[in-house]
Amino acid sequence: MKRVLITGVILLFTAMSFTSCRETTEKETVVREVEVEKEETPEPEEERKGILERAGEKVDGKVNEEIDEEIDKIDDN
């Protein structure tokens, strides 16, 4: 029984010494950047503006109309 145990331990240490010292292979990856040319079509100005910009312009228009009306009232007096 002693011999089997000692032989097992020796085999275990031998196997560990071969596997732990093995060099690992390093993989080299190459990344290529590819630029894709996008054909730009002229977009109408409203499509380029965001929803907040369009809403702001509508509000500005209404406020300007009210301001003009108030100025006319003041000028009439």
PDB file of N, CA and C in Angstrom:
ATOM      1  N   MET A   1       0.822  -1.187   0.000  1.00  0.00           N
ATOM      2  CA  MET A   1       0.000   0.000   0.000  1.00  0.00           C
ATOM      3  C   MET A   1       0.865   1.250   0.000  1.00  0.00           C
ATOM      4  N   LYS A   2       2.006   1.150   0.759  1.00  0.00           N
ATOM      5  CA  LYS A   2       2.914   2.272   0.803  1.00  0.00           C
ATOM      6  C   LYS A   2       3.505   2.561  -0.573  1.00  0.00           C
ATOM      7  N   ARG A   3       3.866   1.517  -1.277  1.00  0.00           N
ATOM      8  CA  ARG A   3       4.461   1.679  -2.604  1.00  0.00           C
ATOM      9  C   ARG A   3       3.480   2.341  -3.573  1.00  0.00           C
ATOM     10  N   VAL A   4       2.221   1.955  -3.520  1.00  0.00           N
ATOM     11  CA  VAL A   4       1.211   2.518  -4.419  1.00  0.00           C
ATOM     12  C   VAL A   4       1.032   4.006  -4.120  1.00  0.00           C
ATOM     13  N   LEU A   5       1.009   4.359  -2.851  1.00  0.00           N
ATOM     14  CA  LEU A   5       0.853   5.746  -2.449  1.00  0.00           C
ATOM     15  C   LEU A   5       2.051   6.581  -2.893  1.00  0.00           C
ATOM     16  N   ILE A   6       3.245   6.102  -2.653  1.00  0.00           N
ATOM     17  CA  ILE A   6       4.464   6.819  -3.043  1.00  0.00           C
ATOM     18  C   ILE A   6       4.530   6.948  -4.560  1.00  0.00           C
ATOM     19  N   THR A   7       4.196   5.893  -5.284  1.00  0.00           N
ATOM     20  CA  THR A   7       4.203   5.939  -6.748  1.00  0.00           C
ATOM     21  C   THR A   7       3.166   6.939  -7.260  1.00  0.00           C
ATOM     22  N   GLY A   8       2.021   6.946  -6.638  1.00  0.00           N
ATOM     23  CA  GLY A   8       0.972   7.897  -7.032  1.00  0.00           C
ATOM     24  C   GLY A   8       1.406   9.333  -6.814  1.00  0.00           C
ATOM     25  N   VAL A   9       2.049   9.609  -5.668  1.00  0.00           N
ATOM     26  CA  VAL A   9       2.529  10.962  -5.360  1.00  0.00           C
ATOM     27  C   VAL A   9       3.600  11.375  -6.355  1.00  0.00           C
ATOM     28  N   ILE A  10       4.527  10.467  -6.668  1.00  0.00           N
ATOM     29  CA  ILE A  10       5.589  10.783  -7.634  1.00  0.00           C
ATOM     30  C   ILE A  10       4.988  11.064  -9.007  1.00  0.00           C
ATOM     31  N   LEU A  11       4.029  10.264  -9.432  1.00  0.00           N
ATOM     32  CA  LEU A  11       3.379  10.499 -10.721  1.00  0.00           C
ATOM     33  C   LEU A  11       2.614  11.827 -10.729  1.00  0.00           C
ATOM     34  N   LEU A  12       1.987  12.150  -9.615  1.00  0.00           N
ATOM     35  CA  LEU A  12       1.249  13.395  -9.504  1.00  0.00           C
ATOM     36  C   LEU A  12       2.180  14.598  -9.633  1.00  0.00           C
ATOM     37  N   PHE A  13       3.308  14.569  -8.910  1.00  0.00           N
ATOM     38  CA  PHE A  13       4.266  15.668  -8.985  1.00  0.00           C
ATOM     39  C   PHE A  13       4.883  15.778 -10.375  1.00  0.00           C
ATOM     40  N   THR A  14       5.153  14.645 -11.004  1.00  0.00           N
ATOM     41  CA  THR A  14       5.708  14.655 -12.354  1.00  0.00           C
ATOM     42  C   THR A  14       4.719  15.258 -13.332  1.00  0.00           C
ATOM     43  N   ALA A  15       3.476  14.880 -13.250  1.00  0.00           N
ATOM     44  CA  ALA A  15       2.450  15.412 -14.147  1.00  0.00           C
ATOM     45  C   ALA A  15       2.255  16.907 -13.920  1.00  0.00           C
ATOM     46  N   MET A  16       2.298  17.325 -12.649  1.00  0.00           N
ATOM     47  CA  MET A  16       2.139  18.748 -12.354  1.00  0.00           C
ATOM     48  C   MET A  16       3.317  19.554 -12.868  1.00  0.00           C
ATOM     49  N   SER A  17       4.507  19.001 -12.819  1.00  0.00           N
ATOM     50  CA  SER A  17       5.677  19.747 -13.276  1.00  0.00           C
ATOM     51  C   SER A  17       5.648  19.937 -14.790  1.00  0.00           C
ATOM     52  N   PHE A  18       5.119  18.992 -15.532  1.00  0.00           N
ATOM     53  CA  PHE A  18       5.046  19.138 -16.992  1.00  0.00           C
ATOM     54  C   PHE A  18       3.924  20.102 -17.406  1.00  0.00           C
ATOM     55  N   THR A  19       2.823  20.059 -16.699  1.00  0.00           N
ATOM     56  CA  THR A  19       1.704  20.896 -17.115  1.00  0.00           C
ATOM     57  C   THR A  19       1.855  22.332 -16.650  1.00  0.00           C
ATOM     58  N   SER A  20       2.463  22.590 -15.527  1.00  0.00           N
ATOM     59  CA  SER A  20       2.555  23.950 -15.020  1.00  0.00           C
ATOM     60  C   SER A  20       3.628  24.758 -15.741  1.00  0.00           C
ATOM     61  N   CYS A  21       4.618  24.123 -16.309  1.00  0.00           N
ATOM     62  CA  CYS A  21       5.699  24.844 -16.966  1.00  0.00           C
ATOM     63  C   CYS A  21       5.478  24.976 -18.466  1.00  0.00           C
ATOM     64  N   ARG A  22       4.377  24.531 -18.945  1.00  0.00           N
ATOM     65  CA  ARG A  22       4.114  24.587 -20.376  1.00  0.00           C
ATOM     66  C   ARG A  22       3.861  26.032 -20.795  1.00  0.00           C
ATOM     67  N   GLU A  23       4.441  26.448 -21.916  1.00  0.00           N
ATOM     68  CA  GLU A  23       4.245  27.800 -22.414  1.00  0.00           C
ATOM     69  C   GLU A  23       2.885  27.900 -23.092  1.00  0.00           C
ATOM     70  N   THR A  24       2.255  28.998 -22.857  1.00  0.00           N
ATOM     71  CA  THR A  24       0.969  29.212 -23.509  1.00  0.00           C
ATOM     72  C   THR A  24       1.214  29.960 -24.809  1.00  0.00           C
ATOM     73  N   THR A  25       0.456  29.627 -25.801  1.00  0.00           N
ATOM     74  CA  THR A  25       0.609  30.311 -27.084  1.00  0.00           C
ATOM     75  C   THR A  25      -0.239  31.562 -27.063  1.00  0.00           C
ATOM     76  N   GLU A  26       0.329  32.637 -27.566  1.00  0.00           N
ATOM     77  CA  GLU A  26      -0.391  33.896 -27.612  1.00  0.00           C
ATOM     78  C   GLU A  26      -0.969  34.079 -29.006  1.00  0.00           C
ATOM     79  N   LYS A  27      -2.227  34.427 -29.039  1.00  0.00           N
ATOM     80  CA  LYS A  27      -2.874  34.655 -30.315  1.00  0.00           C
ATOM     81  C   LYS A  27      -2.828  36.144 -30.613  1.00  0.00           C
ATOM     82  N   GLU A  28      -2.490  36.453 -31.836  1.00  0.00           N
ATOM     83  CA  GLU A  28      -2.418  37.851 -32.246  1.00  0.00           C
ATOM     84  C   GLU A  28      -3.613  38.140 -33.140  1.00  0.00           C
ATOM     85  N   THR A  29      -4.372  39.122 -32.766  1.00  0.00           N
ATOM     86  CA  THR A  29      -5.533  39.477 -33.564  1.00  0.00           C
ATOM     87  C   THR A  29      -5.263  40.795 -34.273  1.00  0.00           C
ATOM     88  N   VAL A  30      -5.689  40.868 -35.506  1.00  0.00           N
ATOM     89  CA  VAL A  30      -5.510  42.071 -36.307  1.00  0.00           C
ATOM     90  C   VAL A  30      -6.883  42.662 -36.558  1.00  0.00           C
ATOM     91  N   VAL A  31      -7.009  43.930 -36.222  1.00  0.00           N
ATOM     92  CA  VAL A  31      -8.276  44.615 -36.414  1.00  0.00           C
ATOM     93  C   VAL A  31      -8.106  45.601 -37.555  1.00  0.00           C
ATOM     94  N   ARG A  32      -8.944  45.459 -38.547  1.00  0.00           N
ATOM     95  CA  ARG A  32      -8.889  46.367 -39.690  1.00  0.00           C
ATOM     96  C   ARG A  32     -10.058  47.326 -39.614  1.00  0.00           C
ATOM     97  N   GLU A  33      -9.751  48.592 -39.834  1.00  0.00           N
ATOM     98  CA  GLU A  33     -10.800  49.592 -39.872  1.00  0.00           C
ATOM     99  C   GLU A  33     -11.134  49.874 -41.332  1.00  0.00           C
ATOM    100  N   VAL A  34     -12.390  49.765 -41.622  1.00  0.00           N
ATOM    101  CA  VAL A  34     -12.838  49.998 -42.981  1.00  0.00           C
ATOM    102  C   VAL A  34     -13.781  51.194 -42.961  1.00  0.00           C
ATOM    103  N   GLU A  35     -13.460  52.182 -43.771  1.00  0.00           N
ATOM    104  CA  GLU A  35     -14.323  53.352 -43.872  1.00  0.00           C
ATOM    105  C   GLU A  35     -15.292  53.146 -45.020  1.00  0.00           C
ATOM    106  N   VAL A  36     -16.540  53.374 -44.729  1.00  0.00           N
ATOM    107  CA  VAL A  36     -17.576  53.224 -45.734  1.00  0.00           C
ATOM    108  C   VAL A  36     -18.055  54.615 -46.108  1.00  0.00           C
ATOM    109  N   GLU A  37     -18.009  54.895 -47.397  1.00  0.00           N
ATOM    110  CA  GLU A  37     -18.480  56.190 -47.852  1.00  0.00           C
ATOM    111  C   GLU A  37     -19.993  56.161 -47.946  1.00  0.00           C
ATOM    112  N   LYS A  38     -20.603  57.122 -47.302  1.00  0.00           N
ATOM    113  CA  LYS A  38     -22.049  57.186 -47.297  1.00  0.00           C
ATOM    114  C   LYS A  38     -22.465  58.323 -48.214  1.00  0.00           C
ATOM    115  N   GLU A  39     -23.336  57.990 -49.125  1.00  0.00           N
ATOM    116  CA  GLU A  39     -23.810  59.008 -50.038  1.00  0.00           C
ATOM    117  C   GLU A  39     -24.852  59.838 -49.310  1.00  0.00           C
ATOM    118  N   GLU A  40     -24.541  61.112 -49.165  1.00  0.00           N
ATOM    119  CA  GLU A  40     -25.441  61.981 -48.430  1.00  0.00           C
ATOM    120  C   GLU A  40     -26.427  62.628 -49.386  1.00  0.00           C
ATOM    121  N   THR A  41     -27.668  62.491 -49.055  1.00  0.00           N
ATOM    122  CA  THR A  41     -28.700  63.149 -49.842  1.00  0.00           C
ATOM    123  C   THR A  41     -29.111  64.393 -49.095  1.00  0.00           C
ATOM    124  N   PRO A  42     -29.333  65.466 -49.810  1.00  0.00           N
ATOM    125  CA  PRO A  42     -29.741  66.683 -49.098  1.00  0.00           C
ATOM    126  C   PRO A  42     -31.096  66.486 -48.448  1.00  0.00           C
ATOM    127  N   GLU A  43     -31.142  66.745 -47.162  1.00  0.00           N
ATOM    128  CA  GLU A  43     -32.378  66.560 -46.409  1.00  0.00           C
ATOM    129  C   GLU A  43     -33.061  67.916 -46.263  1.00  0.00           C
ATOM    130  N   PRO A  44     -34.364  67.922 -46.239  1.00  0.00           N
ATOM    131  CA  PRO A  44     -35.052  69.177 -45.963  1.00  0.00           C
ATOM    132  C   PRO A  44     -34.677  69.674 -44.568  1.00  0.00           C
ATOM    133  N   GLU A  45     -34.751  70.978 -44.386  1.00  0.00           N
ATOM    134  CA  GLU A  45     -34.290  71.556 -43.124  1.00  0.00           C
ATOM    135  C   GLU A  45     -35.091  71.055 -41.936  1.00  0.00           C
ATOM    136  N   GLU A  46     -36.370  70.775 -42.128  1.00  0.00           N
ATOM    137  CA  GLU A  46     -37.191  70.306 -41.008  1.00  0.00           C
ATOM    138  C   GLU A  46     -36.759  68.934 -40.524  1.00  0.00           C
ATOM    139  N   GLU A  47     -36.291  68.082 -41.419  1.00  0.00           N
ATOM    140  CA  GLU A  47     -35.875  66.744 -41.010  1.00  0.00           C
ATOM    141  C   GLU A  47     -34.565  66.789 -40.236  1.00  0.00           C
ATOM    142  N   ARG A  48     -33.731  67.785 -40.479  1.00  0.00           N
ATOM    143  CA  ARG A  48     -32.466  67.892 -39.763  1.00  0.00           C
ATOM    144  C   ARG A  48     -32.670  68.413 -38.347  1.00  0.00           C
ATOM    145  N   LYS A  49     -33.730  69.161 -38.125  1.00  0.00           N
ATOM    146  CA  LYS A  49     -33.982  69.724 -36.801  1.00  0.00           C
ATOM    147  C   LYS A  49     -34.640  68.676 -35.910  1.00  0.00           C
ATOM    148  N   GLY A  50     -34.319  68.786 -34.641  1.00  0.00           N
ATOM    149  CA  GLY A  50     -34.915  67.863 -33.681  1.00  0.00           C
ATOM    150  C   GLY A  50     -36.304  68.327 -33.290  1.00  0.00           C
ATOM    151  N   ILE A  51     -36.988  67.492 -32.549  1.00  0.00           N
ATOM    152  CA  ILE A  51     -38.363  67.790 -32.169  1.00  0.00           C
ATOM    153  C   ILE A  51     -38.423  68.998 -31.238  1.00  0.00           C
ATOM    154  N   LEU A  52     -37.420  69.164 -30.380  1.00  0.00           N
ATOM    155  CA  LEU A  52     -37.415  70.316 -29.479  1.00  0.00           C
ATOM    156  C   LEU A  52     -37.220  71.615 -30.254  1.00  0.00           C
ATOM    157  N   GLU A  53     -36.369  71.586 -31.264  1.00  0.00           N
ATOM    158  CA  GLU A  53     -36.145  72.793 -32.062  1.00  0.00           C
ATOM    159  C   GLU A  53     -37.414  73.194 -32.806  1.00  0.00           C
ATOM    160  N   ARG A  54     -38.096  72.215 -33.378  1.00  0.00           N
ATOM    161  CA  ARG A  54     -39.332  72.524 -34.112  1.00  0.00           C
ATOM    162  C   ARG A  54     -40.404  73.047 -33.165  1.00  0.00           C
ATOM    163  N   ALA A  55     -40.541  72.452 -31.981  1.00  0.00           N
ATOM    164  CA  ALA A  55     -41.530  72.917 -31.011  1.00  0.00           C
ATOM    165  C   ALA A  55     -41.186  74.323 -30.541  1.00  0.00           C
ATOM    166  N   GLY A  56     -39.904  74.591 -30.329  1.00  0.00           N
ATOM    167  CA  GLY A  56     -39.471  75.921 -29.906  1.00  0.00           C
ATOM    168  C   GLY A  56     -39.783  76.980 -30.939  1.00  0.00           C
ATOM    169  N   GLU A  57     -39.608  76.637 -32.214  1.00  0.00           N
ATOM    170  CA  GLU A  57     -39.916  77.599 -33.272  1.00  0.00           C
ATOM    171  C   GLU A  57     -41.410  77.915 -33.313  1.00  0.00           C
ATOM    172  N   LYS A  58     -42.252  76.907 -33.118  1.00  0.00           N
ATOM    173  CA  LYS A  58     -43.700  77.147 -33.105  1.00  0.00           C
ATOM    174  C   LYS A  58     -44.079  78.054 -31.935  1.00  0.00           C
ATOM    175  N   VAL A  59     -43.508  77.794 -30.771  1.00  0.00           N
ATOM    176  CA  VAL A  59     -43.800  78.611 -29.596  1.00  0.00           C
ATOM    177  C   VAL A  59     -43.301  80.031 -29.817  1.00  0.00           C
ATOM    178  N   ASP A  60     -42.106  80.182 -30.390  1.00  0.00           N
ATOM    179  CA  ASP A  60     -41.577  81.513 -30.674  1.00  0.00           C
ATOM    180  C   ASP A  60     -42.503  82.283 -31.600  1.00  0.00           C
ATOM    181  N   GLY A  61     -43.019  81.604 -32.604  1.00  0.00           N
ATOM    182  CA  GLY A  61     -43.926  82.257 -33.543  1.00  0.00           C
ATOM    183  C   GLY A  61     -45.175  82.770 -32.843  1.00  0.00           C
ATOM    184  N   LYS A  62     -45.765  81.951 -32.007  1.00  0.00           N
ATOM    185  CA  LYS A  62     -46.982  82.357 -31.288  1.00  0.00           C
ATOM    186  C   LYS A  62     -46.691  83.492 -30.310  1.00  0.00           C
ATOM    187  N   VAL A  63     -45.572  83.411 -29.602  1.00  0.00           N
ATOM    188  CA  VAL A  63     -45.209  84.457 -28.646  1.00  0.00           C
ATOM    189  C   VAL A  63     -44.952  85.768 -29.382  1.00  0.00           C
ATOM    190  N   ASN A  64     -44.278  85.690 -30.519  1.00  0.00           N
ATOM    191  CA  ASN A  64     -44.006  86.901 -31.292  1.00  0.00           C
ATOM    192  C   ASN A  64     -45.306  87.552 -31.768  1.00  0.00           C
ATOM    193  N   GLU A  65     -46.283  86.746 -32.162  1.00  0.00           N
ATOM    194  CA  GLU A  65     -47.577  87.298 -32.579  1.00  0.00           C
ATOM    195  C   GLU A  65     -48.245  88.029 -31.421  1.00  0.00           C
ATOM    196  N   GLU A  66     -48.222  87.429 -30.230  1.00  0.00           N
ATOM    197  CA  GLU A  66     -48.836  88.060 -29.059  1.00  0.00           C
ATOM    198  C   GLU A  66     -48.100  89.346 -28.690  1.00  0.00           C
ATOM    199  N   ILE A  67     -46.785  89.333 -28.792  1.00  0.00           N
ATOM    200  CA  ILE A  67     -46.003  90.538 -28.487  1.00  0.00           C
ATOM    201  C   ILE A  67     -46.361  91.641 -29.476  1.00  0.00           C
ATOM    202  N   ASP A  68     -46.465  91.281 -30.771  1.00  0.00           N
ATOM    203  CA  ASP A  68     -46.826  92.272 -31.778  1.00  0.00           C
ATOM    204  C   ASP A  68     -48.208  92.864 -31.491  1.00  0.00           C
ATOM    205  N   GLU A  69     -49.163  92.036 -31.072  1.00  0.00           N
ATOM    206  CA  GLU A  69     -50.501  92.532 -30.744  1.00  0.00           C
ATOM    207  C   GLU A  69     -50.451  93.501 -29.559  1.00  0.00           C
ATOM    208  N   GLU A  70     -49.668  93.166 -28.547  1.00  0.00           N
ATOM    209  CA  GLU A  70     -49.568  94.042 -27.379  1.00  0.00           C
ATOM    210  C   GLU A  70     -48.899  95.365 -27.738  1.00  0.00           C
ATOM    211  N   ILE A  71     -47.887  95.305 -28.601  1.00  0.00           N
ATOM    212  CA  ILE A  71     -47.217  96.538 -29.059  1.00  0.00           C
ATOM    213  C   ILE A  71     -48.215  97.396 -29.838  1.00  0.00           C
ATOM    214  N   ASP A  72     -49.034  96.782 -30.684  1.00  0.00           N
ATOM    215  CA  ASP A  72     -50.041  97.543 -31.443  1.00  0.00           C
ATOM    216  C   ASP A  72     -51.035  98.196 -30.500  1.00  0.00           C
ATOM    217  N   LYS A  73     -51.432  97.505 -29.427  1.00  0.00           N
ATOM    218  CA  LYS A  73     -52.362  98.073 -28.451  1.00  0.00           C
ATOM    219  C   LYS A  73     -51.752  99.299 -27.763  1.00  0.00           C
ATOM    220  N   ILE A  74     -50.467  99.177 -27.429  1.00  0.00           N
ATOM    221  CA  ILE A  74     -49.785 100.275 -26.753  1.00  0.00           C
ATOM    222  C   ILE A  74     -49.650 101.466 -27.700  1.00  0.00           C
ATOM    223  N   ASP A  75     -49.328 101.198 -28.977  1.00  0.00           N
ATOM    224  CA  ASP A  75     -49.166 102.265 -29.972  1.00  0.00           C
ATOM    225  C   ASP A  75     -50.489 102.980 -30.226  1.00  0.00           C
ATOM    226  N   ASP A  76     -51.609 102.245 -30.168  1.00  0.00           N
ATOM    227  CA  ASP A  76     -52.929 102.839 -30.416  1.00  0.00           C
ATOM    228  C   ASP A  76     -53.304 103.809 -29.314  1.00  0.00           C
ATOM    229  N   ASN A  77     -52.854 103.645 -28.115  1.00  0.00           N
ATOM    230  CA  ASN A  77     -53.217 104.521 -26.989  1.00  0.00           C
ATOM    231  C   ASN A  77     -52.409 105.729 -27.015  1.00  0.00           C
TER     232      ASN A  77
END
